Protein backbone atom coordinates (compact mmCIF):
# COMPACT_ATOMS: atom_id res chain seq x y z
CA MET A 1 37.12 14.81 -30.65
CA GLU A 2 34.98 14.53 -27.54
CA ASN A 3 35.02 17.41 -25.07
CA PRO A 4 35.80 16.00 -21.57
CA ARG A 5 33.30 18.40 -19.97
CA THR A 6 30.19 17.19 -21.84
CA ASP A 7 27.95 14.19 -21.12
CA LEU A 8 29.59 10.91 -20.33
CA PRO A 9 28.98 8.41 -23.11
CA GLU A 10 25.68 6.59 -22.67
CA ASP A 11 27.40 3.26 -22.18
CA ILE A 12 29.19 4.63 -19.09
CA LEU A 13 25.90 5.92 -17.67
CA ARG A 14 24.31 2.57 -18.44
CA ARG A 15 27.19 0.65 -16.84
CA LEU A 16 27.05 2.94 -13.81
CA SER A 17 23.31 2.28 -13.44
CA GLU A 18 24.14 -1.44 -13.49
CA GLY A 19 26.64 -1.05 -10.66
CA ASP A 20 29.87 -1.05 -12.68
CA GLU A 21 32.59 0.29 -10.37
CA GLY A 22 34.83 1.12 -13.34
CA ALA A 23 32.15 3.45 -14.68
CA PHE A 24 31.84 5.02 -11.23
CA ARG A 25 35.60 5.58 -11.12
CA ALA A 26 35.49 7.16 -14.58
CA ALA A 27 32.71 9.50 -13.45
CA TYR A 28 34.66 10.36 -10.30
CA ASP A 29 37.89 11.01 -12.21
CA ARG A 30 36.05 13.16 -14.70
CA TYR A 31 33.82 15.23 -12.37
CA ALA A 32 35.29 15.29 -8.85
CA ARG A 33 37.17 18.53 -9.51
CA ILE A 34 34.04 20.19 -10.88
CA VAL A 35 32.03 19.12 -7.83
CA PHE A 36 34.85 20.34 -5.54
CA ARG A 37 35.00 23.75 -7.27
CA THR A 38 31.23 24.13 -7.07
CA ALA A 39 31.20 23.35 -3.34
CA TYR A 40 34.29 25.45 -2.63
CA ARG A 41 32.78 28.48 -4.39
CA TYR A 42 30.08 28.58 -1.68
CA LEU A 43 31.88 27.15 1.35
CA ARG A 44 35.38 28.65 0.97
CA SER A 45 36.79 25.68 2.86
CA THR A 46 38.85 22.89 1.34
CA ASP A 47 37.84 20.43 4.07
CA LEU A 48 34.13 21.19 3.75
CA ALA A 49 34.31 21.04 -0.06
CA ASP A 50 36.10 17.66 0.18
CA ASP A 51 33.31 16.42 2.47
CA VAL A 52 30.69 17.54 -0.04
CA VAL A 53 32.54 15.73 -2.86
CA GLN A 54 32.41 12.52 -0.81
CA GLU A 55 28.72 12.99 -0.04
CA VAL A 56 27.85 13.74 -3.67
CA PHE A 57 29.65 10.69 -5.02
CA CYS A 58 28.18 8.48 -2.28
CA MET A 59 24.75 9.73 -3.37
CA LEU A 60 25.70 9.09 -7.00
CA TRP A 61 26.55 5.49 -6.20
CA ASP A 62 23.49 5.02 -3.98
CA LYS A 63 21.16 6.37 -6.68
CA ARG A 64 22.91 4.76 -9.66
CA ALA A 65 19.85 2.69 -10.58
CA HIS A 66 17.91 5.89 -11.37
CA PHE A 67 20.12 7.02 -14.27
CA THR A 68 17.64 6.29 -16.99
CA HIS A 69 16.55 9.94 -16.87
CA VAL A 70 20.03 11.52 -16.63
CA ARG A 71 21.21 13.10 -19.87
CA ASN A 72 24.07 15.30 -18.62
CA LEU A 73 25.97 13.87 -15.66
CA GLU A 74 27.94 17.07 -15.07
CA HIS A 75 24.74 19.12 -14.62
CA TYR A 76 23.25 16.36 -12.48
CA LEU A 77 26.29 16.36 -10.17
CA ILE A 78 26.38 20.16 -9.95
CA SER A 79 22.70 20.10 -8.99
CA ILE A 80 23.32 17.48 -6.28
CA THR A 81 26.30 19.54 -5.04
CA SER A 82 24.19 22.69 -4.79
CA HIS A 83 21.52 20.81 -2.85
CA GLN A 84 24.15 19.42 -0.45
CA VAL A 85 25.65 22.88 0.14
CA TYR A 86 22.22 24.43 0.74
CA ALA A 87 21.34 21.61 3.14
CA LEU A 88 24.56 22.33 5.01
CA PHE A 89 23.68 26.04 5.18
CA ARG A 90 20.19 25.23 6.48
CA ARG A 91 21.66 22.94 9.15
CA TRP A 92 24.11 25.64 10.24
CA ALA A 93 21.33 28.23 10.39
CA SER A 94 19.20 25.92 12.49
CA GLU A 95 22.10 25.14 14.85
CA THR A 96 22.91 28.84 15.17
CA ARG A 97 19.29 29.66 16.05
CA SER A 98 19.21 26.84 18.60
CA CYS A 99 22.43 28.05 20.21
CA ARG A 100 21.17 31.63 20.39
CA VAL A 101 17.94 30.54 22.06
CA PHE A 102 19.87 28.35 24.48
CA LEU A 103 22.32 31.12 25.38
CA ASP A 104 19.58 33.74 25.71
CA ASP A 105 17.68 31.50 28.12
CA LEU A 106 20.68 30.86 30.37
CA GLU A 107 21.13 34.51 31.48
CA LEU A 108 24.35 33.68 33.29
CA GLN A 109 26.51 36.39 34.84
CA ILE A 110 30.01 34.93 34.78
CA ASP A 111 33.30 36.71 35.14
CA ASN A 112 35.04 36.34 31.77
CA THR A 113 38.37 35.17 33.17
CA ASP A 114 36.74 32.62 35.46
CA HIS A 115 34.61 31.43 32.58
CA ILE A 116 37.65 30.91 30.33
CA ILE A 117 39.49 28.93 32.99
CA ARG A 118 36.46 26.78 33.79
CA ASN A 119 35.78 26.24 30.10
CA GLN A 120 39.35 25.03 29.52
CA GLN A 121 39.14 22.71 32.51
CA SER A 122 35.78 21.40 31.36
CA GLU A 123 36.97 20.77 27.82
CA SER A 124 40.02 18.97 29.18
CA LEU A 125 37.85 16.76 31.40
CA ILE A 126 35.45 15.97 28.54
CA LYS A 127 38.34 15.09 26.22
CA GLU A 128 39.86 12.89 28.91
CA LEU A 129 36.53 11.09 29.42
CA ILE A 130 36.03 10.62 25.68
CA ASP A 131 39.54 9.13 25.47
CA ARG A 132 38.51 6.61 28.16
CA LEU A 133 35.58 5.32 26.11
CA PRO A 134 35.98 1.91 24.44
CA ALA A 135 37.36 2.35 20.93
CA GLN A 136 34.11 1.65 19.05
CA GLN A 137 32.03 3.90 21.34
CA ARG A 138 34.62 6.66 21.03
CA LEU A 139 34.59 6.38 17.23
CA VAL A 140 30.78 6.47 17.03
CA PHE A 141 30.59 9.39 19.48
CA THR A 142 33.28 11.35 17.61
CA LEU A 143 31.65 10.79 14.21
CA SER A 144 28.32 11.94 15.62
CA ARG A 145 29.44 14.94 17.66
CA ASP A 146 32.52 16.19 15.83
CA LYS A 147 31.57 15.36 12.24
CA GLY A 148 27.81 15.77 12.62
CA MET A 149 27.03 12.40 11.08
CA THR A 150 23.64 10.77 11.62
CA HIS A 151 23.29 7.26 13.03
CA GLU A 152 22.44 6.05 9.53
CA GLU A 153 25.58 7.63 8.05
CA ILE A 154 27.76 6.22 10.83
CA ALA A 155 26.26 2.75 10.36
CA ARG A 156 27.02 2.92 6.65
CA GLU A 157 30.55 4.24 7.25
CA LEU A 158 31.44 1.61 9.87
CA LYS A 159 29.40 -1.18 8.28
CA LEU A 160 27.33 -1.63 11.45
CA SER A 161 23.59 -1.79 12.03
CA GLN A 162 21.85 1.40 13.09
CA GLY A 163 20.83 -0.34 16.30
CA THR A 164 24.47 -1.06 17.13
CA VAL A 165 25.40 2.57 16.44
CA LYS A 166 22.54 3.76 18.66
CA ASN A 167 23.63 1.39 21.46
CA HIS A 168 27.21 2.70 21.27
CA MET A 169 25.93 6.29 21.44
CA VAL A 170 23.63 5.55 24.39
CA ARG A 171 26.43 3.85 26.33
CA ALA A 172 28.93 6.61 25.52
CA LEU A 173 26.50 9.33 26.65
CA GLN A 174 25.63 7.40 29.83
CA PHE A 175 29.32 7.07 30.67
CA LEU A 176 29.98 10.76 30.04
CA ARG A 177 26.94 11.89 32.02
CA GLN A 178 27.81 9.69 34.97
CA ASN A 179 31.38 10.93 35.07
CA LEU A 180 30.58 14.57 34.40
CA SER A 181 27.67 14.99 36.81
CA PRO A 182 29.78 15.49 39.94
CA HIS A 183 31.94 18.04 38.10
CA LEU A 184 30.01 19.90 35.47
CA SER A 185 26.26 20.11 35.62
CA PHE A 186 26.41 22.80 32.93
CA TYR A 187 27.98 20.40 30.44
CA LEU A 188 25.25 17.85 30.98
CA LEU A 189 22.98 20.26 29.15
CA ILE A 190 25.40 20.45 26.24
CA LEU A 191 25.65 16.66 25.95
CA ALA A 192 21.86 16.43 25.90
CA VAL A 193 21.62 18.73 22.86
């Protein structure tokens, strides 16, 4: 009797390398929970672990033609998962350093209560402006800023060219800058980051 946690049969790996969606589904059904548990162990977030599962299986499908060297799909997926988690940690560390440098350079002396009120008003204005963007621009902007997706990832997700995604981003940022400039010069810096 075959143990469900060992290598997938070679014919499934072969079919997967040939682009067989049924083989991909079998691999997903068999290993998605293992990938999730691996990601969750480090991230301690269901949402983040779910995102990593999606990324790992997208990479699996994208790299399916390179399976001639894979002998143990479970170990291969765990390795990809670990790399994705570490890449996420590196990105967070880089963003944290950038924010610290930015905040250290500002040297602003703001009354805390006034700052909270202005921050709430600013966030409300930004949300209102984002809601006024055309649907496609709003979607591209949200995927980029809220989900941290690259232009390439957004293009793949929305089945658009990277140039189209870039144009939507440029137009969205222009609109936001134009409408924020009379109100919030501070937030122009944030949108530029």
